[in-house]
Amino acid sequence: FVPKGKIVVLGLVTTKRPELEAKDDIKRRIEEASRFVDVDQLCLSPQCGFSSTVEGNALTSEEQAAKLRLVVEVADEVWV
């Protein structure tokens, strides 16, 4: 149960590896979550920050930007 007005954030894009997740895989996981929570109460984000440790993660700035673009593109396709 998620109260009205509350949002569930799905951290479905990893910040640990540079490979991009497949859009269809992310959309399928959002669809699975929508079986339990209305899709309008869901949102998408990276799973964590890009520097969650002192050493950071082995992703270049370009790879980080690509991950963020992926989040925006999938969100636009699902919610817009």
N, C-alpha and C. Protein backbone atom coordinates (compact mmCIF):
# COMPACT_ATOMS: atom_id res chain seq x y z
N PHE A 1 0.84 -1.19 0.00
CA PHE A 1 0.00 0.00 0.00
C PHE A 1 0.88 1.24 0.00
N VAL A 2 0.61 2.12 -0.93
CA VAL A 2 1.31 3.41 -0.99
C VAL A 2 0.24 4.49 -0.86
N PRO A 3 0.35 5.34 0.16
CA PRO A 3 -0.66 6.38 0.36
C PRO A 3 -0.76 7.32 -0.84
N LYS A 4 -1.95 7.84 -1.05
CA LYS A 4 -2.18 8.83 -2.10
C LYS A 4 -1.23 10.01 -1.88
N GLY A 5 -0.65 10.50 -2.96
CA GLY A 5 0.27 11.63 -2.87
C GLY A 5 1.72 11.23 -2.64
N LYS A 6 1.96 9.96 -2.40
CA LYS A 6 3.33 9.47 -2.21
C LYS A 6 3.81 8.83 -3.50
N ILE A 7 5.11 8.88 -3.73
CA ILE A 7 5.73 8.37 -4.95
C ILE A 7 6.75 7.29 -4.58
N VAL A 8 6.78 6.24 -5.39
CA VAL A 8 7.78 5.18 -5.24
C VAL A 8 8.84 5.40 -6.32
N VAL A 9 10.09 5.52 -5.90
CA VAL A 9 11.20 5.73 -6.83
C VAL A 9 11.83 4.38 -7.14
N LEU A 10 11.87 4.04 -8.41
CA LEU A 10 12.47 2.79 -8.86
C LEU A 10 13.89 3.07 -9.36
N GLY A 11 14.88 2.61 -8.62
CA GLY A 11 16.28 2.79 -9.01
C GLY A 11 16.71 1.65 -9.93
N LEU A 12 16.36 1.75 -11.18
CA LEU A 12 16.54 0.64 -12.12
C LEU A 12 17.74 0.80 -13.05
N VAL A 13 18.46 1.90 -12.93
CA VAL A 13 19.63 2.12 -13.78
C VAL A 13 20.86 2.13 -12.88
N THR A 14 21.75 1.17 -13.10
CA THR A 14 22.92 1.05 -12.23
C THR A 14 23.92 2.18 -12.45
N THR A 15 24.56 2.58 -11.38
CA THR A 15 25.62 3.58 -11.46
C THR A 15 26.98 2.92 -11.28
N LYS A 16 27.01 1.62 -11.24
CA LYS A 16 28.24 0.88 -10.97
C LYS A 16 28.96 0.42 -12.23
N ARG A 17 28.22 0.24 -13.33
CA ARG A 17 28.80 -0.25 -14.57
C ARG A 17 28.42 0.68 -15.72
N PRO A 18 29.30 0.83 -16.72
CA PRO A 18 29.01 1.76 -17.81
C PRO A 18 28.00 1.25 -18.83
N GLU A 19 27.76 -0.05 -18.91
CA GLU A 19 26.84 -0.58 -19.91
C GLU A 19 25.43 -0.05 -19.64
N LEU A 20 24.78 0.37 -20.72
CA LEU A 20 23.42 0.87 -20.59
C LEU A 20 22.43 -0.29 -20.53
N GLU A 21 21.46 -0.15 -19.66
CA GLU A 21 20.38 -1.12 -19.58
C GLU A 21 19.52 -1.00 -20.83
N ALA A 22 18.89 -2.08 -21.23
CA ALA A 22 17.98 -2.04 -22.38
C ALA A 22 16.69 -1.34 -21.96
N LYS A 23 16.22 -0.43 -22.80
CA LYS A 23 14.98 0.29 -22.49
C LYS A 23 13.83 -0.66 -22.23
N ASP A 24 13.74 -1.71 -23.04
CA ASP A 24 12.63 -2.66 -22.87
C ASP A 24 12.69 -3.35 -21.52
N ASP A 25 13.89 -3.64 -21.04
CA ASP A 25 14.02 -4.27 -19.72
C ASP A 25 13.54 -3.32 -18.62
N ILE A 26 13.92 -2.06 -18.73
CA ILE A 26 13.50 -1.08 -17.72
C ILE A 26 11.98 -0.92 -17.76
N LYS A 27 11.42 -0.81 -18.96
CA LYS A 27 9.97 -0.65 -19.09
C LYS A 27 9.23 -1.86 -18.54
N ARG A 28 9.78 -3.05 -18.76
CA ARG A 28 9.14 -4.25 -18.24
C ARG A 28 9.13 -4.23 -16.71
N ARG A 29 10.21 -3.76 -16.10
CA ARG A 29 10.27 -3.71 -14.64
C ARG A 29 9.31 -2.64 -14.09
N ILE A 30 9.15 -1.55 -14.82
CA ILE A 30 8.17 -0.54 -14.42
C ILE A 30 6.77 -1.13 -14.51
N GLU A 31 6.52 -1.86 -15.59
CA GLU A 31 5.21 -2.51 -15.76
C GLU A 31 4.95 -3.51 -14.63
N GLU A 32 5.98 -4.26 -14.24
CA GLU A 32 5.82 -5.20 -13.12
C GLU A 32 5.46 -4.45 -11.83
N ALA A 33 6.15 -3.35 -11.57
CA ALA A 33 5.88 -2.56 -10.37
C ALA A 33 4.46 -1.99 -10.40
N SER A 34 3.98 -1.66 -11.60
CA SER A 34 2.64 -1.06 -11.71
C SER A 34 1.53 -2.07 -11.40
N ARG A 35 1.87 -3.33 -11.26
CA ARG A 35 0.88 -4.31 -10.81
C ARG A 35 0.55 -4.10 -9.33
N PHE A 36 1.44 -3.44 -8.61
CA PHE A 36 1.28 -3.25 -7.17
C PHE A 36 1.02 -1.80 -6.78
N VAL A 37 1.51 -0.88 -7.60
CA VAL A 37 1.36 0.56 -7.34
C VAL A 37 0.97 1.22 -8.66
N ASP A 38 0.00 2.11 -8.62
CA ASP A 38 -0.42 2.82 -9.83
C ASP A 38 0.80 3.45 -10.50
N VAL A 39 0.87 3.32 -11.82
CA VAL A 39 2.03 3.82 -12.56
C VAL A 39 2.25 5.32 -12.32
N ASP A 40 1.18 6.07 -12.04
CA ASP A 40 1.33 7.50 -11.78
C ASP A 40 1.95 7.78 -10.41
N GLN A 41 2.12 6.75 -9.60
CA GLN A 41 2.81 6.90 -8.32
C GLN A 41 4.23 6.33 -8.38
N LEU A 42 4.69 6.04 -9.59
CA LEU A 42 6.04 5.51 -9.79
C LEU A 42 6.89 6.54 -10.51
N CYS A 43 8.18 6.50 -10.27
CA CYS A 43 9.12 7.29 -11.05
C CYS A 43 10.41 6.50 -11.19
N LEU A 44 11.28 6.94 -12.05
CA LEU A 44 12.50 6.23 -12.39
C LEU A 44 13.72 7.06 -12.03
N SER A 45 14.76 6.39 -11.54
CA SER A 45 16.01 7.08 -11.22
C SER A 45 17.16 6.10 -11.32
N PRO A 46 18.40 6.62 -11.28
CA PRO A 46 19.54 5.72 -11.10
C PRO A 46 19.43 5.07 -9.72
N GLN A 47 20.08 3.93 -9.54
CA GLN A 47 19.97 3.21 -8.27
C GLN A 47 20.67 3.94 -7.14
N CYS A 48 21.65 4.76 -7.45
CA CYS A 48 22.47 5.40 -6.42
C CYS A 48 23.20 6.56 -7.08
N GLY A 49 24.04 7.22 -6.32
CA GLY A 49 24.86 8.29 -6.89
C GLY A 49 26.03 7.72 -7.68
N PHE A 50 26.65 8.53 -8.49
CA PHE A 50 27.77 8.07 -9.30
C PHE A 50 29.07 8.02 -8.51
N SER A 51 29.09 8.57 -7.33
CA SER A 51 30.28 8.50 -6.47
C SER A 51 29.85 8.09 -5.08
N SER A 52 29.33 6.89 -4.97
CA SER A 52 28.81 6.43 -3.68
C SER A 52 29.90 5.94 -2.74
N THR A 53 31.14 5.91 -3.23
CA THR A 53 32.28 5.57 -2.38
C THR A 53 33.34 6.64 -2.55
N VAL A 54 34.31 6.68 -1.67
CA VAL A 54 35.38 7.67 -1.76
C VAL A 54 36.10 7.56 -3.10
N GLU A 55 36.30 6.33 -3.56
CA GLU A 55 37.00 6.10 -4.82
C GLU A 55 36.13 6.43 -6.03
N GLY A 56 34.82 6.50 -5.82
CA GLY A 56 33.90 6.73 -6.93
C GLY A 56 33.68 5.45 -7.70
N ASN A 57 33.00 5.55 -8.81
CA ASN A 57 32.75 4.40 -9.68
C ASN A 57 33.50 4.61 -10.98
N ALA A 58 33.81 3.53 -11.65
CA ALA A 58 34.62 3.60 -12.86
C ALA A 58 33.78 3.98 -14.08
N LEU A 59 33.12 5.11 -14.01
CA LEU A 59 32.34 5.61 -15.14
C LEU A 59 32.86 6.98 -15.51
N THR A 60 33.03 7.20 -16.81
CA THR A 60 33.45 8.52 -17.27
C THR A 60 32.27 9.49 -17.20
N SER A 61 32.55 10.75 -17.36
CA SER A 61 31.48 11.76 -17.38
C SER A 61 30.49 11.48 -18.50
N GLU A 62 31.01 11.05 -19.64
CA GLU A 62 30.15 10.75 -20.78
C GLU A 62 29.24 9.55 -20.48
N GLU A 63 29.79 8.53 -19.82
CA GLU A 63 28.99 7.36 -19.46
C GLU A 63 27.91 7.73 -18.44
N GLN A 64 28.27 8.59 -17.50
CA GLN A 64 27.28 9.05 -16.52
C GLN A 64 26.17 9.82 -17.21
N ALA A 65 26.54 10.69 -18.13
CA ALA A 65 25.54 11.47 -18.87
C ALA A 65 24.63 10.55 -19.68
N ALA A 66 25.20 9.50 -20.27
CA ALA A 66 24.40 8.55 -21.05
C ALA A 66 23.39 7.84 -20.15
N LYS A 67 23.80 7.51 -18.93
CA LYS A 67 22.88 6.86 -17.98
C LYS A 67 21.72 7.80 -17.65
N LEU A 68 22.03 9.07 -17.41
CA LEU A 68 20.99 10.04 -17.08
C LEU A 68 20.06 10.28 -18.27
N ARG A 69 20.63 10.33 -19.48
CA ARG A 69 19.79 10.47 -20.68
C ARG A 69 18.85 9.27 -20.81
N LEU A 70 19.36 8.08 -20.50
CA LEU A 70 18.52 6.88 -20.56
C LEU A 70 17.34 7.00 -19.61
N VAL A 71 17.58 7.47 -18.40
CA VAL A 71 16.50 7.66 -17.43
C VAL A 71 15.45 8.61 -18.00
N VAL A 72 15.89 9.73 -18.55
CA VAL A 72 14.97 10.73 -19.10
C VAL A 72 14.19 10.16 -20.29
N GLU A 73 14.88 9.46 -21.19
CA GLU A 73 14.22 8.90 -22.37
C GLU A 73 13.15 7.89 -21.98
N VAL A 74 13.49 6.99 -21.07
CA VAL A 74 12.50 5.98 -20.65
C VAL A 74 11.33 6.65 -19.94
N ALA A 75 11.63 7.60 -19.06
CA ALA A 75 10.56 8.31 -18.35
C ALA A 75 9.63 9.02 -19.34
N ASP A 76 10.20 9.66 -20.35
CA ASP A 76 9.37 10.33 -21.37
C ASP A 76 8.49 9.32 -22.11
N GLU A 77 9.02 8.15 -22.38
CA GLU A 77 8.25 7.14 -23.11
C GLU A 77 7.16 6.51 -22.24
N VAL A 78 7.40 6.41 -20.95
CA VAL A 78 6.43 5.77 -20.05
C VAL A 78 5.38 6.75 -19.56
N TRP A 79 5.80 7.97 -19.18
CA TRP A 79 4.89 8.88 -18.48
C TRP A 79 4.43 10.08 -19.28
N VAL A 80 4.96 10.33 -20.45
CA VAL A 80 4.54 11.52 -21.20
C VAL A 80 3.63 11.14 -22.34
